[in-house]
Amino acid sequence: MVTNIHKYIKTWHSKVDKFITLTNFQKNKFLSSNMNISEEKFLVKSNFVDDFGNGYKNRENYFVYVGRLSIEKGIITMLKAFENTKYNKKL
């Protein structure tokens, strides 16, 4: 309902200069929606930095999770994905 009101009063077209998305997938989801927003209004600003290999040369195989430990963050899905791998070590 709220989205329809904003479409009617053209909030997305006249009041927003740029839409910032974290991935191209997210941008394409918006572009394929019925909101009819032009591609020029989107900027993909990834939430990470590139690794140019200037770090430690002898890295070990570890994984790090940084984030809130809650269901919506997908922590349980991540733990299940590692259950049957060589990285599944009990502390």
PDB file of N, CA and C in Angstrom:
ATOM      1  N   MET A   1       0.821  -1.204   0.000  1.00  0.00           N
ATOM      2  CA  MET A   1       0.000   0.000   0.000  1.00  0.00           C
ATOM      3  C   MET A   1       0.864   1.267   0.000  1.00  0.00           C
ATOM      4  N   VAL A   2       1.847   1.325   0.913  1.00  0.00           N
ATOM      5  CA  VAL A   2       2.706   2.508   0.998  1.00  0.00           C
ATOM      6  C   VAL A   2       3.489   2.696  -0.297  1.00  0.00           C
ATOM      7  N   THR A   3       3.962   1.594  -0.876  1.00  0.00           N
ATOM      8  CA  THR A   3       4.699   1.692  -2.136  1.00  0.00           C
ATOM      9  C   THR A   3       3.826   2.283  -3.233  1.00  0.00           C
ATOM     10  N   ASN A   4       2.565   1.888  -3.270  1.00  0.00           N
ATOM     11  CA  ASN A   4       1.652   2.429  -4.279  1.00  0.00           C
ATOM     12  C   ASN A   4       1.435   3.924  -4.104  1.00  0.00           C
ATOM     13  N   ILE A   5       1.370   4.376  -2.881  1.00  0.00           N
ATOM     14  CA  ILE A   5       1.217   5.820  -2.624  1.00  0.00           C
ATOM     15  C   ILE A   5       2.437   6.565  -3.160  1.00  0.00           C
ATOM     16  N   HIS A   6       3.626   6.037  -2.877  1.00  0.00           N
ATOM     17  CA  HIS A   6       4.851   6.696  -3.349  1.00  0.00           C
ATOM     18  C   HIS A   6       4.956   6.645  -4.876  1.00  0.00           C
ATOM     19  N   LYS A   7       4.467   5.566  -5.469  1.00  0.00           N
ATOM     20  CA  LYS A   7       4.453   5.525  -6.932  1.00  0.00           C
ATOM     21  C   LYS A   7       3.498   6.582  -7.473  1.00  0.00           C
ATOM     22  N   TYR A   8       2.369   6.738  -6.836  1.00  0.00           N
ATOM     23  CA  TYR A   8       1.360   7.702  -7.281  1.00  0.00           C
ATOM     24  C   TYR A   8       1.878   9.140  -7.183  1.00  0.00           C
ATOM     25  N   ILE A   9       2.544   9.469  -6.068  1.00  0.00           N
ATOM     26  CA  ILE A   9       3.037  10.846  -5.904  1.00  0.00           C
ATOM     27  C   ILE A   9       4.451  11.024  -6.470  1.00  0.00           C
ATOM     28  N   LYS A  10       4.959   9.966  -7.129  1.00  0.00           N
ATOM     29  CA  LYS A  10       6.244   9.990  -7.833  1.00  0.00           C
ATOM     30  C   LYS A  10       7.438  10.305  -6.926  1.00  0.00           C
ATOM     31  N   THR A  11       7.398   9.776  -5.708  1.00  0.00           N
ATOM     32  CA  THR A  11       8.510   9.971  -4.769  1.00  0.00           C
ATOM     33  C   THR A  11       9.812   9.462  -5.362  1.00  0.00           C
ATOM     34  N   TRP A  12       9.779   8.262  -5.934  1.00  0.00           N
ATOM     35  CA  TRP A  12      11.001   7.631  -6.425  1.00  0.00           C
ATOM     36  C   TRP A  12      11.607   8.375  -7.610  1.00  0.00           C
ATOM     37  N   HIS A  13      10.807   9.099  -8.349  1.00  0.00           N
ATOM     38  CA  HIS A  13      11.296   9.766  -9.557  1.00  0.00           C
ATOM     39  C   HIS A  13      11.668  11.230  -9.331  1.00  0.00           C
ATOM     40  N   SER A  14      10.934  11.920  -8.495  1.00  0.00           N
ATOM     41  CA  SER A  14      11.164  13.355  -8.371  1.00  0.00           C
ATOM     42  C   SER A  14      11.885  13.761  -7.086  1.00  0.00           C
ATOM     43  N   LYS A  15      11.825  12.942  -6.050  1.00  0.00           N
ATOM     44  CA  LYS A  15      12.404  13.349  -4.763  1.00  0.00           C
ATOM     45  C   LYS A  15      13.701  12.625  -4.416  1.00  0.00           C
ATOM     46  N   VAL A  16      14.072  11.619  -5.196  1.00  0.00           N
ATOM     47  CA  VAL A  16      15.284  10.847  -4.928  1.00  0.00           C
ATOM     48  C   VAL A  16      16.261  11.064  -6.082  1.00  0.00           C
ATOM     49  N   ASP A  17      17.474  11.521  -5.738  1.00  0.00           N
ATOM     50  CA  ASP A  17      18.501  11.745  -6.763  1.00  0.00           C
ATOM     51  C   ASP A  17      19.244  10.466  -7.118  1.00  0.00           C
ATOM     52  N   LYS A  18      19.578   9.658  -6.104  1.00  0.00           N
ATOM     53  CA  LYS A  18      20.354   8.436  -6.309  1.00  0.00           C
ATOM     54  C   LYS A  18      19.849   7.334  -5.397  1.00  0.00           C
ATOM     55  N   PHE A  19      19.894   6.125  -5.906  1.00  0.00           N
ATOM     56  CA  PHE A  19      19.640   4.930  -5.121  1.00  0.00           C
ATOM     57  C   PHE A  19      20.962   4.197  -5.000  1.00  0.00           C
ATOM     58  N   ILE A  20      21.385   3.895  -3.789  1.00  0.00           N
ATOM     59  CA  ILE A  20      22.641   3.192  -3.564  1.00  0.00           C
ATOM     60  C   ILE A  20      22.326   1.743  -3.208  1.00  0.00           C
ATOM     61  N   THR A  21      22.890   0.822  -3.978  1.00  0.00           N
ATOM     62  CA  THR A  21      22.724  -0.597  -3.702  1.00  0.00           C
ATOM     63  C   THR A  21      24.085  -1.201  -3.403  1.00  0.00           C
ATOM     64  N   LEU A  22      24.086  -2.323  -2.676  1.00  0.00           N
ATOM     65  CA  LEU A  22      25.340  -2.972  -2.311  1.00  0.00           C
ATOM     66  C   LEU A  22      25.846  -3.935  -3.376  1.00  0.00           C
ATOM     67  N   THR A  23      24.950  -4.401  -4.242  1.00  0.00           N
ATOM     68  CA  THR A  23      25.336  -5.370  -5.272  1.00  0.00           C
ATOM     69  C   THR A  23      24.615  -5.075  -6.581  1.00  0.00           C
ATOM     70  N   ASN A  24      25.172  -5.606  -7.670  1.00  0.00           N
ATOM     71  CA  ASN A  24      24.490  -5.504  -8.963  1.00  0.00           C
ATOM     72  C   ASN A  24      23.195  -6.302  -8.949  1.00  0.00           C
ATOM     73  N   PHE A  25      23.178  -7.414  -8.205  1.00  0.00           N
ATOM     74  CA  PHE A  25      21.962  -8.205  -8.090  1.00  0.00           C
ATOM     75  C   PHE A  25      20.835  -7.362  -7.513  1.00  0.00           C
ATOM     76  N   GLN A  26      21.128  -6.640  -6.451  1.00  0.00           N
ATOM     77  CA  GLN A  26      20.117  -5.777  -5.823  1.00  0.00           C
ATOM     78  C   GLN A  26      19.662  -4.681  -6.787  1.00  0.00           C
ATOM     79  N   LYS A  27      20.599  -4.082  -7.471  1.00  0.00           N
ATOM     80  CA  LYS A  27      20.264  -3.041  -8.460  1.00  0.00           C
ATOM     81  C   LYS A  27      19.338  -3.603  -9.531  1.00  0.00           C
ATOM     82  N   ASN A  28      19.656  -4.797 -10.038  1.00  0.00           N
ATOM     83  CA  ASN A  28      18.843  -5.408 -11.086  1.00  0.00           C
ATOM     84  C   ASN A  28      17.451  -5.784 -10.580  1.00  0.00           C
ATOM     85  N   LYS A  29      17.341  -6.134  -9.318  1.00  0.00           N
ATOM     86  CA  LYS A  29      16.020  -6.406  -8.742  1.00  0.00           C
ATOM     87  C   LYS A  29      15.148  -5.155  -8.792  1.00  0.00           C
ATOM     88  N   PHE A  30      15.726  -4.022  -8.426  1.00  0.00           N
ATOM     89  CA  PHE A  30      14.978  -2.764  -8.497  1.00  0.00           C
ATOM     90  C   PHE A  30      14.625  -2.421  -9.944  1.00  0.00           C
ATOM     91  N   LEU A  31      15.588  -2.608 -10.850  1.00  0.00           N
ATOM     92  CA  LEU A  31      15.344  -2.274 -12.252  1.00  0.00           C
ATOM     93  C   LEU A  31      14.274  -3.161 -12.875  1.00  0.00           C
ATOM     94  N   SER A  32      14.164  -4.397 -12.424  1.00  0.00           N
ATOM     95  CA  SER A  32      13.148  -5.290 -12.987  1.00  0.00           C
ATOM     96  C   SER A  32      11.803  -5.183 -12.269  1.00  0.00           C
ATOM     97  N   SER A  33      11.740  -4.348 -11.246  1.00  0.00           N
ATOM     98  CA  SER A  33      10.471  -4.167 -10.539  1.00  0.00           C
ATOM     99  C   SER A  33       9.547  -3.256 -11.345  1.00  0.00           C
ATOM    100  N   ASN A  34       8.347  -3.063 -10.850  1.00  0.00           N
ATOM    101  CA  ASN A  34       7.396  -2.200 -11.550  1.00  0.00           C
ATOM    102  C   ASN A  34       7.497  -0.743 -11.095  1.00  0.00           C
ATOM    103  N   MET A  35       8.607  -0.405 -10.435  1.00  0.00           N
ATOM    104  CA  MET A  35       8.803   0.980  -9.985  1.00  0.00           C
ATOM    105  C   MET A  35       9.236   1.903 -11.117  1.00  0.00           C
ATOM    106  N   ASN A  36       9.755   1.335 -12.191  1.00  0.00           N
ATOM    107  CA  ASN A  36      10.159   2.108 -13.383  1.00  0.00           C
ATOM    108  C   ASN A  36      11.153   3.219 -13.072  1.00  0.00           C
ATOM    109  N   ILE A  37      12.203   2.863 -12.382  1.00  0.00           N
ATOM    110  CA  ILE A  37      13.264   3.820 -12.057  1.00  0.00           C
ATOM    111  C   ILE A  37      14.369   3.655 -13.091  1.00  0.00           C
ATOM    112  N   SER A  38      14.903   4.757 -13.585  1.00  0.00           N
ATOM    113  CA  SER A  38      15.931   4.679 -14.622  1.00  0.00           C
ATOM    114  C   SER A  38      17.249   4.176 -14.030  1.00  0.00           C
ATOM    115  N   GLU A  39      17.995   3.462 -14.842  1.00  0.00           N
ATOM    116  CA  GLU A  39      19.258   2.865 -14.401  1.00  0.00           C
ATOM    117  C   GLU A  39      20.277   3.921 -13.977  1.00  0.00           C
ATOM    118  N   GLU A  40      20.203   5.100 -14.551  1.00  0.00           N
ATOM    119  CA  GLU A  40      21.142   6.173 -14.225  1.00  0.00           C
ATOM    120  C   GLU A  40      21.034   6.632 -12.768  1.00  0.00           C
ATOM    121  N   LYS A  41      19.920   6.359 -12.121  1.00  0.00           N
ATOM    122  CA  LYS A  41      19.722   6.775 -10.735  1.00  0.00           C
ATOM    123  C   LYS A  41      20.379   5.824  -9.737  1.00  0.00           C
ATOM    124  N   PHE A  42      20.957   4.708 -10.219  1.00  0.00           N
ATOM    125  CA  PHE A  42      21.529   3.707  -9.321  1.00  0.00           C
ATOM    126  C   PHE A  42      23.040   3.797  -9.269  1.00  0.00           C
ATOM    127  N   LEU A  43      23.563   3.609  -8.072  1.00  0.00           N
ATOM    128  CA  LEU A  43      24.994   3.534  -7.836  1.00  0.00           C
ATOM    129  C   LEU A  43      25.238   2.282  -7.010  1.00  0.00           C
ATOM    130  N   VAL A  44      26.126   1.413  -7.493  1.00  0.00           N
ATOM    131  CA  VAL A  44      26.480   0.216  -6.738  1.00  0.00           C
ATOM    132  C   VAL A  44      27.691   0.555  -5.887  1.00  0.00           C
ATOM    133  N   LYS A  45      27.513   0.511  -4.586  1.00  0.00           N
ATOM    134  CA  LYS A  45      28.583   0.810  -3.620  1.00  0.00           C
ATOM    135  C   LYS A  45      28.755  -0.419  -2.750  1.00  0.00           C
ATOM    136  N   SER A  46      29.644  -1.284  -3.152  1.00  0.00           N
ATOM    137  CA  SER A  46      29.840  -2.537  -2.432  1.00  0.00           C
ATOM    138  C   SER A  46      30.321  -2.284  -1.014  1.00  0.00           C
ATOM    139  N   ASN A  47      29.952  -3.211  -0.148  1.00  0.00           N
ATOM    140  CA  ASN A  47      30.251  -3.070   1.274  1.00  0.00           C
ATOM    141  C   ASN A  47      31.482  -3.910   1.629  1.00  0.00           C
ATOM    142  N   PHE A  48      32.549  -3.771   0.859  1.00  0.00           N
ATOM    143  CA  PHE A  48      33.784  -4.489   1.125  1.00  0.00           C
ATOM    144  C   PHE A  48      34.929  -3.749   0.441  1.00  0.00           C
ATOM    145  N   VAL A  49      36.142  -4.213   0.687  1.00  0.00           N
ATOM    146  CA  VAL A  49      37.311  -3.655   0.015  1.00  0.00           C
ATOM    147  C   VAL A  49      37.991  -4.768  -0.766  1.00  0.00           C
ATOM    148  N   ASP A  50      38.639  -4.421  -1.835  1.00  0.00           N
ATOM    149  CA  ASP A  50      39.361  -5.402  -2.635  1.00  0.00           C
ATOM    150  C   ASP A  50      40.616  -5.865  -1.897  1.00  0.00           C
ATOM    151  N   ASP A  51      40.935  -7.140  -2.052  1.00  0.00           N
ATOM    152  CA  ASP A  51      42.162  -7.705  -1.503  1.00  0.00           C
ATOM    153  C   ASP A  51      43.159  -7.801  -2.650  1.00  0.00           C
ATOM    154  N   PHE A  52      44.178  -6.973  -2.616  1.00  0.00           N
ATOM    155  CA  PHE A  52      45.171  -6.949  -3.686  1.00  0.00           C
ATOM    156  C   PHE A  52      46.347  -7.872  -3.400  1.00  0.00           C
ATOM    157  N   GLY A  53      46.197  -8.732  -2.371  1.00  0.00           N
ATOM    158  CA  GLY A  53      47.235  -9.710  -2.073  1.00  0.00           C
ATOM    159  C   GLY A  53      48.431  -9.146  -1.347  1.00  0.00           C
ATOM    160  N   ASN A  54      48.311  -7.971  -0.749  1.00  0.00           N
ATOM    161  CA  ASN A  54      49.437  -7.367  -0.062  1.00  0.00           C
ATOM    162  C   ASN A  54      49.527  -7.771   1.400  1.00  0.00           C
ATOM    163  N   GLY A  55      48.654  -8.664   1.826  1.00  0.00           N
ATOM    164  CA  GLY A  55      48.639  -9.094   3.225  1.00  0.00           C
ATOM    165  C   GLY A  55      49.666 -10.173   3.487  1.00  0.00           C
ATOM    166  N   TYR A  56      49.375 -10.991   4.473  1.00  0.00           N
ATOM    167  CA  TYR A  56      50.269 -12.087   4.828  1.00  0.00           C
ATOM    168  C   TYR A  56      50.378 -13.072   3.674  1.00  0.00           C
ATOM    169  N   LYS A  57      51.592 -13.507   3.392  1.00  0.00           N
ATOM    170  CA  LYS A  57      51.794 -14.431   2.277  1.00  0.00           C
ATOM    171  C   LYS A  57      51.374 -15.850   2.637  1.00  0.00           C
ATOM    172  N   ASN A  58      51.657 -16.287   3.831  1.00  0.00           N
ATOM    173  CA  ASN A  58      51.324 -17.647   4.248  1.00  0.00           C
ATOM    174  C   ASN A  58      50.058 -17.629   5.092  1.00  0.00           C
ATOM    175  N   ARG A  59      48.939 -17.570   4.443  1.00  0.00           N
ATOM    176  CA  ARG A  59      47.660 -17.558   5.151  1.00  0.00           C
ATOM    177  C   ARG A  59      47.190 -18.982   5.400  1.00  0.00           C
ATOM    178  N   GLU A  60      46.554 -19.158   6.538  1.00  0.00           N
ATOM    179  CA  GLU A  60      45.956 -20.448   6.840  1.00  0.00           C
ATOM    180  C   GLU A  60      44.485 -20.402   6.469  1.00  0.00           C
ATOM    181  N   ASN A  61      43.866 -21.566   6.382  1.00  0.00           N
ATOM    182  CA  ASN A  61      42.465 -21.651   5.991  1.00  0.00           C
ATOM    183  C   ASN A  61      41.554 -21.468   7.193  1.00  0.00           C
ATOM    184  N   TYR A  62      41.167 -20.236   7.438  1.00  0.00           N
ATOM    185  CA  TYR A  62      40.228 -19.900   8.494  1.00  0.00           C
ATOM    186  C   TYR A  62      39.096 -19.072   7.904  1.00  0.00           C
ATOM    187  N   PHE A  63      37.994 -19.066   8.586  1.00  0.00           N
ATOM    188  CA  PHE A  63      36.870 -18.222   8.196  1.00  0.00           C
ATOM    189  C   PHE A  63      36.500 -17.366   9.388  1.00  0.00           C
ATOM    190  N   VAL A  64      36.130 -16.147   9.105  1.00  0.00           N
ATOM    191  CA  VAL A  64      35.743 -15.212  10.158  1.00  0.00           C
ATOM    192  C   VAL A  64      34.351 -14.692   9.847  1.00  0.00           C
ATOM    193  N   TYR A  65      33.508 -14.667  10.857  1.00  0.00           N
ATOM    194  CA  TYR A  65      32.184 -14.058  10.727  1.00  0.00           C
ATOM    195  C   TYR A  65      32.171 -12.826  11.607  1.00  0.00           C
ATOM    196  N   VAL A  66      31.813 -11.707  11.027  1.00  0.00           N
ATOM    197  CA  VAL A  66      31.688 -10.470  11.789  1.00  0.00           C
ATOM    198  C   VAL A  66      30.258  -9.989  11.610  1.00  0.00           C
ATOM    199  N   GLY A  67      29.545  -9.937  12.683  1.00  0.00           N
ATOM    200  CA  GLY A  67      28.159  -9.507  12.600  1.00  0.00           C
ATOM    201  C   GLY A  67      27.399  -9.904  13.844  1.00  0.00           C
ATOM    202  N   ARG A  68      26.194  -9.448  13.915  1.00  0.00           N
ATOM    203  CA  ARG A  68      25.318  -9.778  15.032  1.00  0.00           C
ATOM    204  C   ARG A  68      24.914 -11.247  14.932  1.00  0.00           C
ATOM    205  N   LEU A  69      24.942 -11.954  16.036  1.00  0.00           N
ATOM    206  CA  LEU A  69      24.567 -13.360  16.055  1.00  0.00           C
ATOM    207  C   LEU A  69      23.058 -13.476  16.179  1.00  0.00           C
ATOM    208  N   SER A  70      22.399 -13.427  15.043  1.00  0.00           N
ATOM    209  CA  SER A  70      20.946 -13.525  15.035  1.00  0.00           C
ATOM    210  C   SER A  70      20.506 -14.288  13.787  1.00  0.00           C
ATOM    211  N   ILE A  71      19.329 -14.865  13.873  1.00  0.00           N
ATOM    212  CA  ILE A  71      18.822 -15.742  12.811  1.00  0.00           C
ATOM    213  C   ILE A  71      18.786 -15.035  11.459  1.00  0.00           C
ATOM    214  N   GLU A  72      18.310 -13.783  11.419  1.00  0.00           N
ATOM    215  CA  GLU A  72      18.160 -13.105  10.131  1.00  0.00           C
ATOM    216  C   GLU A  72      19.483 -12.810   9.444  1.00  0.00           C
ATOM    217  N   LYS A  73      20.596 -12.888  10.176  1.00  0.00           N
ATOM    218  CA  LYS A  73      21.913 -12.691   9.571  1.00  0.00           C
ATOM    219  C   LYS A  73      22.423 -13.943   8.875  1.00  0.00           C
ATOM    220  N   GLY A  74      21.740 -15.076   9.062  1.00  0.00           N
ATOM    221  CA  GLY A  74      22.120 -16.300   8.366  1.00  0.00           C
ATOM    222  C   GLY A  74      23.203 -17.104   9.048  1.00  0.00           C
ATOM    223  N   ILE A  75      23.443 -16.847  10.321  1.00  0.00           N
ATOM    224  CA  ILE A  75      24.519 -17.541  11.026  1.00  0.00           C
ATOM    225  C   ILE A  75      24.272 -19.047  11.088  1.00  0.00           C
ATOM    226  N   ILE A  76      23.036 -19.474  11.274  1.00  0.00           N
ATOM    227  CA  ILE A  76      22.732 -20.913  11.343  1.00  0.00           C
ATOM    228  C   ILE A  76      22.971 -21.565   9.988  1.00  0.00           C
ATOM    229  N   THR A  77      22.586 -20.895   8.920  1.00  0.00           N
ATOM    230  CA  THR A  77      22.833 -21.418   7.577  1.00  0.00           C
ATOM    231  C   THR A  77      24.327 -21.570   7.335  1.00  0.00           C
ATOM    232  N   MET A  78      25.107 -20.585   7.768  1.00  0.00           N
ATOM    233  CA  MET A  78      26.554 -20.649   7.596  1.00  0.00           C
ATOM    234  C   MET A  78      27.143 -21.812   8.390  1.00  0.00           C
ATOM    235  N   LEU A  79      26.720 -21.994   9.635  1.00  0.00           N
ATOM    236  CA  LEU A  79      27.229 -23.087  10.454  1.00  0.00           C
ATOM    237  C   LEU A  79      26.873 -24.448   9.855  1.00  0.00           C
ATOM    238  N   LYS A  80      25.675 -24.580   9.324  1.00  0.00           N
ATOM    239  CA  LYS A  80      25.272 -25.834   8.688  1.00  0.00           C
ATOM    240  C   LYS A  80      26.103 -26.104   7.438  1.00  0.00           C
ATOM    241  N   ALA A  81      26.466 -25.063   6.718  1.00  0.00           N
ATOM    242  CA  ALA A  81      27.265 -25.228   5.507  1.00  0.00           C
ATOM    243  C   ALA A  81      28.649 -25.782   5.825  1.00  0.00           C
ATOM    244  N   PHE A  82      29.166 -25.512   7.012  1.00  0.00           N
ATOM    245  CA  PHE A  82      30.491 -25.982   7.403  1.00  0.00           C
ATOM    246  C   PHE A  82      30.469 -27.306   8.158  1.00  0.00           C
ATOM    247  N   GLU A  83      29.294 -27.862   8.443  1.00  0.00           N
ATOM    248  CA  GLU A  83      29.195 -29.084   9.248  1.00  0.00           C
ATOM    249  C   GLU A  83      30.004 -30.245   8.685  1.00  0.00           C
ATOM    250  N   ASN A  84      29.939 -30.459   7.405  1.00  0.00           N
ATOM    251  CA  ASN A  84      30.601 -31.612   6.792  1.00  0.00           C
ATOM    252  C   ASN A  84      31.833 -31.226   5.990  1.00  0.00           C
ATOM    253  N   THR A  85      32.582 -30.282   6.496  1.00  0.00           N
ATOM    254  CA  THR A  85      33.811 -29.867   5.826  1.00  0.00           C
ATOM    255  C   THR A  85      34.993 -30.056   6.758  1.00  0.00           C
ATOM    256  N   LYS A  86      36.175 -29.915   6.218  1.00  0.00           N
ATOM    257  CA  LYS A  86      37.373 -30.030   7.049  1.00  0.00           C
ATOM    258  C   LYS A  86      37.541 -28.829   7.991  1.00  0.00           C
ATOM    259  N   TYR A  87      36.734 -27.807   7.782  1.00  0.00           N
ATOM    260  CA  TYR A  87      36.838 -26.612   8.618  1.00  0.00           C
ATOM    261  C   TYR A  87      35.963 -26.685   9.873  1.00  0.00           C
ATOM    262  N   ASN A  88      35.233 -27.768  10.023  1.00  0.00           N
ATOM    263  CA  ASN A  88      34.336 -27.938  11.166  1.00  0.00           C
ATOM    264  C   ASN A  88      35.151 -28.462  12.343  1.00  0.00           C
ATOM    265  N   LYS A  89      35.650 -27.565  13.161  1.00  0.00           N
ATOM    266  CA  LYS A  89      36.424 -27.953  14.340  1.00  0.00           C
ATOM    267  C   LYS A  89      35.690 -27.502  15.568  1.00  0.00           C
ATOM    268  N   LYS A  90      35.518 -28.398  16.486  1.00  0.00           N
ATOM    269  CA  LYS A  90      34.877 -28.057  17.767  1.00  0.00           C
ATOM    270  C   LYS A  90      35.885 -27.343  18.641  1.00  0.00           C
ATOM    271  N   LEU A  91      35.444 -26.301  19.290  1.00  0.00           N
ATOM    272  CA  LEU A  91      36.348 -25.555  20.181  1.00  0.00           C
ATOM    273  C   LEU A  91      36.498 -26.246  21.502  1.00  0.00           C
TER     274      LEU A  91
END
